N, C-alpha and C. Protein backbone atom coordinates (compact mmCIF):
# COMPACT_ATOMS: atom_id res chain seq x y z
N MET A 1 -102.60 -43.99 23.61
CA MET A 1 -101.98 -45.13 22.96
C MET A 1 -100.47 -45.01 23.04
N SER A 2 -99.80 -46.06 23.46
CA SER A 2 -98.35 -46.03 23.56
C SER A 2 -97.73 -46.90 22.47
N ILE A 3 -96.54 -46.51 22.05
CA ILE A 3 -95.83 -47.26 21.02
C ILE A 3 -94.69 -48.01 21.70
N LYS A 4 -94.61 -49.31 21.44
CA LYS A 4 -93.56 -50.12 22.04
C LYS A 4 -92.37 -50.15 21.09
N MET A 5 -91.23 -49.73 21.62
CA MET A 5 -89.99 -49.73 20.83
C MET A 5 -89.39 -51.13 20.84
N SER A 6 -88.73 -51.48 19.75
CA SER A 6 -88.06 -52.79 19.67
C SER A 6 -86.89 -52.81 20.63
N GLN A 7 -86.76 -53.90 21.38
CA GLN A 7 -85.68 -54.05 22.35
C GLN A 7 -84.45 -54.71 21.73
N THR A 8 -84.67 -55.53 20.71
CA THR A 8 -83.55 -56.24 20.07
C THR A 8 -83.62 -56.04 18.56
N ILE A 9 -82.54 -56.38 17.91
CA ILE A 9 -82.48 -56.30 16.45
C ILE A 9 -83.46 -57.29 15.84
N GLN A 10 -83.59 -58.44 16.49
CA GLN A 10 -84.50 -59.48 16.02
C GLN A 10 -85.94 -58.96 15.98
N GLU A 11 -86.36 -58.26 17.04
CA GLU A 11 -87.72 -57.70 17.10
C GLU A 11 -87.92 -56.64 16.02
N GLU A 12 -86.90 -55.81 15.80
CA GLU A 12 -86.99 -54.74 14.79
C GLU A 12 -87.16 -55.33 13.40
N ARG A 13 -86.37 -56.35 13.10
CA ARG A 13 -86.47 -56.98 11.79
C ARG A 13 -87.82 -57.67 11.60
N LEU A 14 -88.30 -58.34 12.65
CA LEU A 14 -89.60 -59.01 12.57
C LEU A 14 -90.72 -58.00 12.35
N LYS A 15 -90.60 -56.83 12.99
CA LYS A 15 -91.60 -55.76 12.83
C LYS A 15 -91.70 -55.32 11.37
N TRP A 16 -90.56 -55.29 10.66
CA TRP A 16 -90.57 -54.82 9.28
C TRP A 16 -91.00 -55.91 8.30
N ILE A 17 -90.75 -57.20 8.59
CA ILE A 17 -91.13 -58.24 7.62
C ILE A 17 -92.52 -58.83 7.91
N LYS A 18 -93.09 -58.55 9.09
CA LYS A 18 -94.40 -59.09 9.47
C LYS A 18 -95.50 -58.73 8.45
N PRO A 19 -95.60 -57.46 7.99
CA PRO A 19 -96.65 -57.14 7.00
C PRO A 19 -96.50 -57.94 5.70
N ILE A 20 -95.27 -58.28 5.32
CA ILE A 20 -95.06 -59.06 4.09
C ILE A 20 -95.51 -60.49 4.33
N LEU A 21 -95.18 -61.03 5.50
CA LEU A 21 -95.56 -62.41 5.83
C LEU A 21 -97.08 -62.55 5.92
N ASP A 22 -97.75 -61.51 6.43
CA ASP A 22 -99.21 -61.52 6.54
C ASP A 22 -99.90 -61.12 5.24
N LYS A 23 -99.12 -60.89 4.19
CA LYS A 23 -99.60 -60.51 2.86
C LYS A 23 -100.43 -59.23 2.87
N GLU A 24 -100.04 -58.29 3.74
CA GLU A 24 -100.71 -56.98 3.80
C GLU A 24 -100.08 -56.00 2.82
N ILE A 25 -98.82 -56.22 2.49
CA ILE A 25 -98.07 -55.30 1.63
C ILE A 25 -97.02 -56.10 0.88
N ASN A 26 -96.61 -55.62 -0.29
CA ASN A 26 -95.53 -56.32 -1.01
C ASN A 26 -94.19 -55.64 -0.72
N ILE A 27 -93.11 -56.29 -1.12
CA ILE A 27 -91.76 -55.81 -0.81
C ILE A 27 -91.50 -54.43 -1.43
N LYS A 28 -91.93 -54.22 -2.66
CA LYS A 28 -91.68 -52.96 -3.36
C LYS A 28 -92.26 -51.78 -2.60
N ASN A 29 -93.49 -51.92 -2.09
CA ASN A 29 -94.13 -50.82 -1.36
C ASN A 29 -93.51 -50.65 0.04
N LEU A 30 -93.07 -51.75 0.64
CA LEU A 30 -92.45 -51.66 1.95
C LEU A 30 -91.12 -50.91 1.88
N VAL A 31 -90.37 -51.15 0.81
CA VAL A 31 -89.07 -50.50 0.64
C VAL A 31 -89.22 -48.98 0.57
N LYS A 32 -90.33 -48.49 0.04
CA LYS A 32 -90.56 -47.04 -0.08
C LYS A 32 -90.68 -46.36 1.28
N VAL A 33 -91.21 -47.07 2.29
CA VAL A 33 -91.38 -46.47 3.61
C VAL A 33 -90.34 -46.96 4.63
N SER A 34 -89.63 -48.02 4.28
CA SER A 34 -88.66 -48.61 5.21
C SER A 34 -87.30 -47.90 5.12
N PRO A 35 -86.60 -47.76 6.24
CA PRO A 35 -85.25 -47.19 6.18
C PRO A 35 -84.20 -48.21 5.71
N TYR A 36 -84.63 -49.47 5.50
CA TYR A 36 -83.71 -50.53 5.11
C TYR A 36 -83.82 -50.82 3.61
N SER A 37 -82.78 -51.41 3.06
CA SER A 37 -82.75 -51.69 1.62
C SER A 37 -83.59 -52.93 1.30
N GLU A 38 -83.90 -53.05 0.03
CA GLU A 38 -84.69 -54.19 -0.45
C GLU A 38 -83.91 -55.49 -0.24
N ARG A 39 -82.61 -55.42 -0.46
CA ARG A 39 -81.77 -56.61 -0.29
C ARG A 39 -81.79 -57.10 1.15
N SER A 40 -81.74 -56.17 2.12
CA SER A 40 -81.77 -56.55 3.53
C SER A 40 -83.09 -57.21 3.89
N ILE A 41 -84.18 -56.63 3.42
CA ILE A 41 -85.51 -57.18 3.73
C ILE A 41 -85.66 -58.58 3.14
N LYS A 42 -85.19 -58.77 1.92
CA LYS A 42 -85.26 -60.11 1.29
C LYS A 42 -84.41 -61.11 2.07
N ARG A 43 -83.24 -60.66 2.54
CA ARG A 43 -82.37 -61.54 3.32
C ARG A 43 -83.05 -61.94 4.63
N TRP A 44 -83.71 -60.98 5.29
CA TRP A 44 -84.42 -61.27 6.55
C TRP A 44 -85.57 -62.24 6.30
N LEU A 45 -86.31 -62.04 5.22
CA LEU A 45 -87.42 -62.94 4.88
C LEU A 45 -86.91 -64.36 4.66
N SER A 46 -85.81 -64.47 3.92
CA SER A 46 -85.24 -65.79 3.65
C SER A 46 -84.82 -66.47 4.95
N GLY A 47 -84.14 -65.71 5.84
CA GLY A 47 -83.71 -66.26 7.12
C GLY A 47 -84.88 -66.67 7.99
N TYR A 48 -85.95 -65.89 7.97
CA TYR A 48 -87.15 -66.20 8.78
C TYR A 48 -87.84 -67.45 8.25
N ARG A 49 -87.91 -67.57 6.94
CA ARG A 49 -88.58 -68.73 6.35
C ARG A 49 -87.80 -70.03 6.57
N LYS A 50 -86.46 -69.92 6.63
CA LYS A 50 -85.63 -71.12 6.84
C LYS A 50 -85.54 -71.52 8.31
N GLN A 51 -85.33 -70.52 9.22
CA GLN A 51 -85.06 -70.84 10.62
C GLN A 51 -86.05 -70.23 11.60
N GLY A 52 -87.05 -69.54 11.11
CA GLY A 52 -87.99 -68.90 12.02
C GLY A 52 -87.39 -67.63 12.61
N ALA A 53 -87.76 -67.28 13.84
CA ALA A 53 -87.29 -66.05 14.48
C ALA A 53 -85.79 -66.08 14.71
N GLU A 54 -85.21 -67.27 14.86
CA GLU A 54 -83.75 -67.40 15.05
C GLU A 54 -82.98 -66.92 13.82
N GLY A 55 -83.60 -66.98 12.65
CA GLY A 55 -82.96 -66.55 11.41
C GLY A 55 -82.79 -65.05 11.32
N LEU A 56 -83.44 -64.29 12.21
CA LEU A 56 -83.35 -62.84 12.19
C LEU A 56 -82.24 -62.30 13.10
N ILE A 57 -81.62 -63.17 13.89
CA ILE A 57 -80.53 -62.75 14.78
C ILE A 57 -79.29 -62.49 13.93
N PRO A 58 -78.64 -61.33 14.10
CA PRO A 58 -77.46 -61.03 13.28
C PRO A 58 -76.32 -62.02 13.54
N LYS A 59 -75.67 -62.43 12.48
CA LYS A 59 -74.57 -63.38 12.59
C LYS A 59 -73.25 -62.66 12.35
N SER A 60 -72.21 -63.13 13.02
CA SER A 60 -70.88 -62.54 12.89
C SER A 60 -70.31 -62.85 11.52
N THR A 61 -69.61 -61.87 10.94
CA THR A 61 -68.96 -62.09 9.64
C THR A 61 -67.49 -62.46 9.82
N GLU A 62 -67.06 -62.56 11.07
CA GLU A 62 -65.68 -62.93 11.35
C GLU A 62 -65.45 -64.40 10.97
N PRO A 63 -64.32 -64.70 10.31
CA PRO A 63 -64.06 -66.09 9.94
C PRO A 63 -63.92 -66.98 11.18
N LYS A 64 -64.46 -68.17 11.10
CA LYS A 64 -64.42 -69.10 12.24
C LYS A 64 -63.00 -69.61 12.47
N THR A 65 -62.29 -69.90 11.38
CA THR A 65 -60.92 -70.39 11.48
C THR A 65 -60.07 -69.73 10.41
N GLN A 66 -58.76 -69.74 10.62
CA GLN A 66 -57.81 -69.27 9.63
C GLN A 66 -56.92 -70.46 9.29
N PRO A 67 -57.04 -70.99 8.08
CA PRO A 67 -56.31 -72.22 7.75
C PRO A 67 -54.79 -72.09 7.82
N LYS A 68 -54.26 -70.89 7.57
CA LYS A 68 -52.80 -70.73 7.57
C LYS A 68 -52.29 -70.04 8.83
N GLU A 69 -53.06 -70.09 9.90
CA GLU A 69 -52.66 -69.43 11.15
C GLU A 69 -51.45 -70.15 11.76
N THR A 70 -50.53 -69.35 12.31
CA THR A 70 -49.34 -69.91 12.96
C THR A 70 -49.77 -70.66 14.22
N PRO A 71 -49.30 -71.91 14.39
CA PRO A 71 -49.69 -72.68 15.58
C PRO A 71 -49.25 -71.98 16.88
N LEU A 72 -50.01 -72.20 17.92
CA LEU A 72 -49.78 -71.54 19.21
C LEU A 72 -48.42 -71.92 19.79
N TRP A 73 -48.02 -73.17 19.63
CA TRP A 73 -46.73 -73.60 20.19
C TRP A 73 -45.55 -72.89 19.53
N VAL A 74 -45.71 -72.55 18.23
CA VAL A 74 -44.65 -71.82 17.52
C VAL A 74 -44.58 -70.39 18.06
N LYS A 75 -45.74 -69.77 18.27
CA LYS A 75 -45.79 -68.41 18.81
C LYS A 75 -45.13 -68.37 20.19
N GLU A 76 -45.45 -69.37 21.01
CA GLU A 76 -44.87 -69.43 22.36
C GLU A 76 -43.36 -69.61 22.30
N ARG A 77 -42.88 -70.41 21.34
CA ARG A 77 -41.43 -70.63 21.19
C ARG A 77 -40.73 -69.35 20.76
N VAL A 78 -41.36 -68.58 19.86
CA VAL A 78 -40.79 -67.30 19.41
C VAL A 78 -40.66 -66.35 20.59
N ILE A 79 -41.71 -66.25 21.40
CA ILE A 79 -41.72 -65.35 22.57
C ILE A 79 -40.67 -65.80 23.59
N GLU A 80 -40.59 -67.11 23.80
CA GLU A 80 -39.61 -67.67 24.75
C GLU A 80 -38.18 -67.36 24.32
N LEU A 81 -37.89 -67.59 23.02
CA LEU A 81 -36.54 -67.31 22.50
C LEU A 81 -36.20 -65.82 22.60
N ARG A 82 -37.17 -64.97 22.32
CA ARG A 82 -36.92 -63.52 22.37
C ARG A 82 -36.57 -63.08 23.80
N LYS A 83 -37.31 -63.63 24.77
CA LYS A 83 -37.06 -63.27 26.17
C LYS A 83 -35.70 -63.79 26.64
N GLU A 84 -35.28 -64.95 26.14
CA GLU A 84 -33.99 -65.53 26.53
C GLU A 84 -32.81 -64.80 25.89
N THR A 85 -32.91 -64.54 24.58
CA THR A 85 -31.75 -64.07 23.82
C THR A 85 -31.79 -62.60 23.42
N LYS A 86 -32.95 -61.97 23.42
CA LYS A 86 -33.12 -60.56 22.98
C LYS A 86 -32.68 -60.36 21.53
N LEU A 87 -32.83 -61.40 20.69
CA LEU A 87 -32.44 -61.30 19.29
C LEU A 87 -33.56 -60.66 18.46
N CYS A 88 -33.18 -60.13 17.29
CA CYS A 88 -34.17 -59.53 16.39
C CYS A 88 -34.92 -60.64 15.64
N SER A 89 -35.94 -60.24 14.89
CA SER A 89 -36.79 -61.23 14.22
C SER A 89 -36.03 -62.04 13.18
N LYS A 90 -35.09 -61.41 12.47
CA LYS A 90 -34.34 -62.14 11.45
C LYS A 90 -33.47 -63.22 12.09
N LYS A 91 -32.79 -62.87 13.18
CA LYS A 91 -31.92 -63.84 13.86
C LYS A 91 -32.74 -64.93 14.54
N LEU A 92 -33.92 -64.55 15.06
CA LEU A 92 -34.82 -65.57 15.64
C LEU A 92 -35.29 -66.53 14.55
N HIS A 93 -35.56 -65.99 13.37
CA HIS A 93 -35.98 -66.80 12.22
C HIS A 93 -34.90 -67.84 11.90
N TRP A 94 -33.61 -67.41 11.89
CA TRP A 94 -32.51 -68.33 11.62
C TRP A 94 -32.40 -69.39 12.71
N LYS A 95 -32.54 -68.98 13.96
CA LYS A 95 -32.43 -69.90 15.10
C LYS A 95 -33.55 -70.94 15.05
N LEU A 96 -34.76 -70.49 14.73
CA LEU A 96 -35.89 -71.42 14.62
C LEU A 96 -35.71 -72.38 13.44
N LYS A 97 -35.11 -71.89 12.36
CA LYS A 97 -34.86 -72.72 11.19
C LYS A 97 -33.91 -73.86 11.54
N LYS A 98 -32.89 -73.58 12.39
CA LYS A 98 -31.95 -74.62 12.85
C LYS A 98 -32.65 -75.66 13.72
N GLU A 99 -33.70 -75.21 14.44
CA GLU A 99 -34.48 -76.13 15.27
C GLU A 99 -35.48 -76.93 14.45
N GLY A 100 -35.63 -76.58 13.17
CA GLY A 100 -36.55 -77.29 12.30
C GLY A 100 -37.93 -76.65 12.21
N ILE A 101 -38.06 -75.44 12.74
CA ILE A 101 -39.34 -74.73 12.67
C ILE A 101 -39.26 -73.73 11.51
N ILE A 102 -40.02 -73.98 10.46
CA ILE A 102 -40.02 -73.11 9.29
C ILE A 102 -41.10 -72.05 9.48
N ILE A 103 -40.65 -70.81 9.61
CA ILE A 103 -41.56 -69.68 9.79
C ILE A 103 -40.90 -68.46 9.15
N HIS A 104 -41.68 -67.65 8.50
CA HIS A 104 -41.15 -66.47 7.82
C HIS A 104 -40.71 -65.44 8.85
N GLU A 105 -39.64 -64.70 8.53
CA GLU A 105 -39.10 -63.71 9.48
C GLU A 105 -40.10 -62.59 9.77
N ARG A 106 -40.91 -62.24 8.78
CA ARG A 106 -41.91 -61.18 8.99
C ARG A 106 -42.99 -61.65 9.97
N THR A 107 -43.32 -62.94 9.91
CA THR A 107 -44.28 -63.50 10.86
C THR A 107 -43.73 -63.42 12.27
N VAL A 108 -42.44 -63.70 12.42
CA VAL A 108 -41.78 -63.60 13.73
C VAL A 108 -41.89 -62.15 14.22
N GLY A 109 -41.62 -61.19 13.32
CA GLY A 109 -41.72 -59.78 13.68
C GLY A 109 -43.11 -59.38 14.12
N LYS A 110 -44.12 -59.91 13.43
CA LYS A 110 -45.52 -59.60 13.77
C LYS A 110 -45.89 -60.17 15.14
N ILE A 111 -45.40 -61.38 15.43
CA ILE A 111 -45.67 -62.00 16.73
C ILE A 111 -45.04 -61.15 17.84
N LEU A 112 -43.79 -60.73 17.63
CA LEU A 112 -43.09 -59.92 18.63
C LEU A 112 -43.80 -58.57 18.83
N LYS A 113 -44.25 -57.97 17.75
CA LYS A 113 -44.93 -56.68 17.84
C LYS A 113 -46.25 -56.81 18.60
N LYS A 114 -46.99 -57.87 18.30
CA LYS A 114 -48.28 -58.09 18.97
C LYS A 114 -48.10 -58.30 20.47
N GLU A 115 -47.00 -58.93 20.85
CA GLU A 115 -46.72 -59.19 22.27
C GLU A 115 -46.04 -58.01 22.96
N GLY A 116 -45.69 -56.98 22.19
CA GLY A 116 -45.04 -55.79 22.77
C GLY A 116 -43.59 -56.02 23.12
N LEU A 117 -42.92 -56.90 22.37
CA LEU A 117 -41.52 -57.23 22.64
C LEU A 117 -40.56 -56.56 21.66
N VAL A 118 -40.98 -55.46 21.03
CA VAL A 118 -40.11 -54.76 20.09
C VAL A 118 -39.64 -53.45 20.71
N LYS A 119 -38.51 -52.96 20.22
CA LYS A 119 -38.00 -51.68 20.70
C LYS A 119 -38.89 -50.56 20.20
N LYS A 120 -38.99 -49.53 20.99
CA LYS A 120 -39.74 -48.36 20.55
C LYS A 120 -38.73 -47.33 20.09
N TYR A 121 -38.71 -47.09 18.80
CA TYR A 121 -37.77 -46.14 18.23
C TYR A 121 -38.39 -44.75 18.23
N ARG A 122 -37.61 -43.79 18.65
CA ARG A 122 -38.08 -42.40 18.62
C ARG A 122 -37.18 -41.61 17.70
N LEU A 123 -37.77 -40.78 16.89
CA LEU A 123 -36.98 -39.92 16.02
C LEU A 123 -36.48 -38.73 16.82
N LYS A 124 -35.21 -38.39 16.62
CA LYS A 124 -34.65 -37.24 17.31
C LYS A 124 -35.17 -35.98 16.65
N LYS A 125 -35.69 -35.10 17.46
CA LYS A 125 -36.25 -33.86 16.94
C LYS A 125 -35.11 -32.92 16.57
N ILE A 126 -35.14 -32.42 15.36
CA ILE A 126 -34.09 -31.53 14.87
C ILE A 126 -34.38 -30.12 15.39
N LYS A 127 -33.37 -29.54 16.01
CA LYS A 127 -33.52 -28.17 16.51
C LYS A 127 -32.73 -27.25 15.60
N TYR A 128 -33.41 -26.26 15.06
CA TYR A 128 -32.75 -25.30 14.19
C TYR A 128 -32.29 -24.11 15.02
N LYS A 129 -31.06 -23.66 14.73
CA LYS A 129 -30.55 -22.49 15.42
C LYS A 129 -30.55 -21.35 14.41
N TYR A 130 -31.34 -20.36 14.69
CA TYR A 130 -31.44 -19.22 13.80
C TYR A 130 -30.45 -18.15 14.23
N ILE A 131 -29.68 -17.65 13.28
CA ILE A 131 -28.69 -16.62 13.56
C ILE A 131 -29.30 -15.28 13.18
N LYS A 132 -29.34 -14.37 14.13
CA LYS A 132 -29.91 -13.07 13.88
C LYS A 132 -28.78 -12.12 13.45
N ALA A 133 -28.97 -11.45 12.32
CA ALA A 133 -27.95 -10.54 11.80
C ALA A 133 -27.88 -9.29 12.69
N GLU A 134 -26.66 -8.87 12.97
CA GLU A 134 -26.46 -7.66 13.78
C GLU A 134 -26.66 -6.44 12.89
N ARG A 135 -27.49 -5.54 13.29
CA ARG A 135 -27.75 -4.33 12.53
C ARG A 135 -27.48 -3.11 13.40
N LEU A 136 -26.91 -2.10 12.77
CA LEU A 136 -26.66 -0.83 13.45
C LEU A 136 -27.83 0.10 13.20
N PRO A 137 -28.12 1.04 14.08
CA PRO A 137 -29.22 1.97 13.85
C PRO A 137 -29.04 2.74 12.55
N GLY A 138 -30.08 2.81 11.75
CA GLY A 138 -30.06 3.53 10.47
C GLY A 138 -29.55 2.69 9.33
N GLU A 139 -29.07 1.47 9.59
CA GLU A 139 -28.54 0.61 8.52
C GLU A 139 -29.65 0.04 7.66
N LEU A 140 -30.75 -0.25 8.28
CA LEU A 140 -31.88 -0.84 7.56
C LEU A 140 -33.07 0.08 7.72
N VAL A 141 -33.52 0.65 6.59
CA VAL A 141 -34.64 1.59 6.62
C VAL A 141 -35.76 1.03 5.76
N GLU A 142 -36.94 1.08 6.28
CA GLU A 142 -38.11 0.63 5.53
C GLU A 142 -38.88 1.86 5.08
N ILE A 143 -39.14 1.94 3.79
CA ILE A 143 -39.85 3.09 3.25
C ILE A 143 -41.12 2.59 2.58
N ASP A 144 -42.23 3.12 3.00
CA ASP A 144 -43.52 2.81 2.38
C ASP A 144 -43.85 3.90 1.39
N VAL A 145 -44.15 3.53 0.15
CA VAL A 145 -44.53 4.50 -0.87
C VAL A 145 -46.05 4.55 -0.89
N LYS A 146 -46.58 5.77 -0.86
CA LYS A 146 -48.03 5.91 -0.80
C LYS A 146 -48.46 7.06 -1.70
N TYR A 147 -49.52 6.83 -2.44
CA TYR A 147 -50.11 7.89 -3.26
C TYR A 147 -50.86 8.84 -2.36
N VAL A 148 -50.87 10.11 -2.76
CA VAL A 148 -51.72 11.09 -2.10
C VAL A 148 -53.12 10.84 -2.62
N PRO A 149 -54.12 10.77 -1.72
CA PRO A 149 -55.48 10.47 -2.20
C PRO A 149 -55.97 11.52 -3.20
N GLY A 150 -56.59 11.07 -4.26
CA GLY A 150 -57.13 11.96 -5.28
C GLY A 150 -56.05 12.45 -6.23
N ARG A 151 -56.44 13.20 -7.24
CA ARG A 151 -55.50 13.75 -8.23
C ARG A 151 -55.50 15.27 -8.13
N VAL A 152 -54.33 15.85 -8.36
CA VAL A 152 -54.20 17.31 -8.38
C VAL A 152 -53.83 17.69 -9.80
N LYS A 153 -54.70 18.42 -10.48
CA LYS A 153 -54.52 18.82 -11.88
C LYS A 153 -54.23 17.60 -12.75
N ASN A 154 -55.03 16.54 -12.54
CA ASN A 154 -54.94 15.29 -13.30
C ASN A 154 -53.58 14.59 -13.17
N LYS A 155 -52.84 14.84 -12.11
CA LYS A 155 -51.57 14.16 -11.86
C LYS A 155 -51.63 13.47 -10.50
N ARG A 156 -50.93 12.33 -10.41
CA ARG A 156 -50.86 11.61 -9.14
C ARG A 156 -49.59 12.04 -8.42
N TYR A 157 -49.68 12.23 -7.12
CA TYR A 157 -48.52 12.62 -6.32
C TYR A 157 -48.26 11.58 -5.24
N TYR A 158 -46.97 11.51 -4.84
CA TYR A 158 -46.58 10.61 -3.78
C TYR A 158 -46.47 11.38 -2.47
N GLN A 159 -46.59 10.65 -1.37
CA GLN A 159 -46.46 11.26 -0.06
C GLN A 159 -45.01 11.70 0.15
N ASN A 160 -44.82 12.88 0.68
CA ASN A 160 -43.48 13.40 0.91
C ASN A 160 -42.95 12.83 2.22
N ILE A 161 -41.89 11.98 2.15
CA ILE A 161 -41.35 11.36 3.36
C ILE A 161 -40.05 12.02 3.81
N GLN A 162 -39.56 13.00 3.05
CA GLN A 162 -38.29 13.65 3.38
C GLN A 162 -38.30 14.27 4.78
N PRO A 163 -39.34 15.02 5.15
CA PRO A 163 -39.34 15.60 6.51
C PRO A 163 -39.30 14.51 7.59
N LEU A 164 -39.90 13.37 7.34
CA LEU A 164 -39.92 12.26 8.30
C LEU A 164 -38.51 11.72 8.51
N ILE A 165 -37.74 11.58 7.41
CA ILE A 165 -36.37 11.05 7.48
C ILE A 165 -35.47 12.06 8.24
N GLN A 166 -35.66 13.33 7.94
CA GLN A 166 -34.85 14.34 8.61
C GLN A 166 -35.16 14.34 10.12
N LEU A 167 -36.41 14.12 10.44
CA LEU A 167 -36.79 14.06 11.84
C LEU A 167 -36.04 12.94 12.56
N LEU A 168 -35.87 11.81 11.86
CA LEU A 168 -35.19 10.66 12.45
C LEU A 168 -33.69 10.83 12.45
N GLY A 169 -33.17 11.79 11.72
CA GLY A 169 -31.74 12.06 11.73
C GLY A 169 -30.97 11.26 10.71
N GLY A 170 -31.59 10.90 9.63
CA GLY A 170 -30.92 10.10 8.60
C GLY A 170 -30.77 10.87 7.29
N ASP A 171 -29.94 10.34 6.40
CA ASP A 171 -29.76 10.95 5.07
C ASP A 171 -30.11 9.92 4.00
N ILE A 172 -30.64 10.43 2.91
CA ILE A 172 -30.90 9.55 1.77
C ILE A 172 -30.11 10.04 0.58
């Protein structure tokens, strides 16, 4: 026996709501075995009952129109002026205002940025110059203090470093 996998989202959704439509199982029991939420299944059922199989096709959530979108001719005029004059968005805003086109300066800036007509600013990398202090031999000595392992007559002793210093030719 072979199992046929769903080829489309529509087929997958129909596969999950078919037992409910055929009254073989209720929604509560289907939700227990389904990887989908109860809300999704109810939405699919509603879409199937209203439009049939077409109601199971996923719909875009992107808005169809934007009521306050800048008209295309204004965008083209902004781009044209920028290419002619190389002015910044604020100055373009003033120039357009004189022409009778009311548009916010930030909108002009967004149009220019989207078209790639803005300068690319780079931050200058700060280079630090580290000054190394001049040291003479024996001027800087590092001494590690270490306990002698264990106790001798219930007293702690330190490691004797005097012979080591004399070996190096220094005085303390």
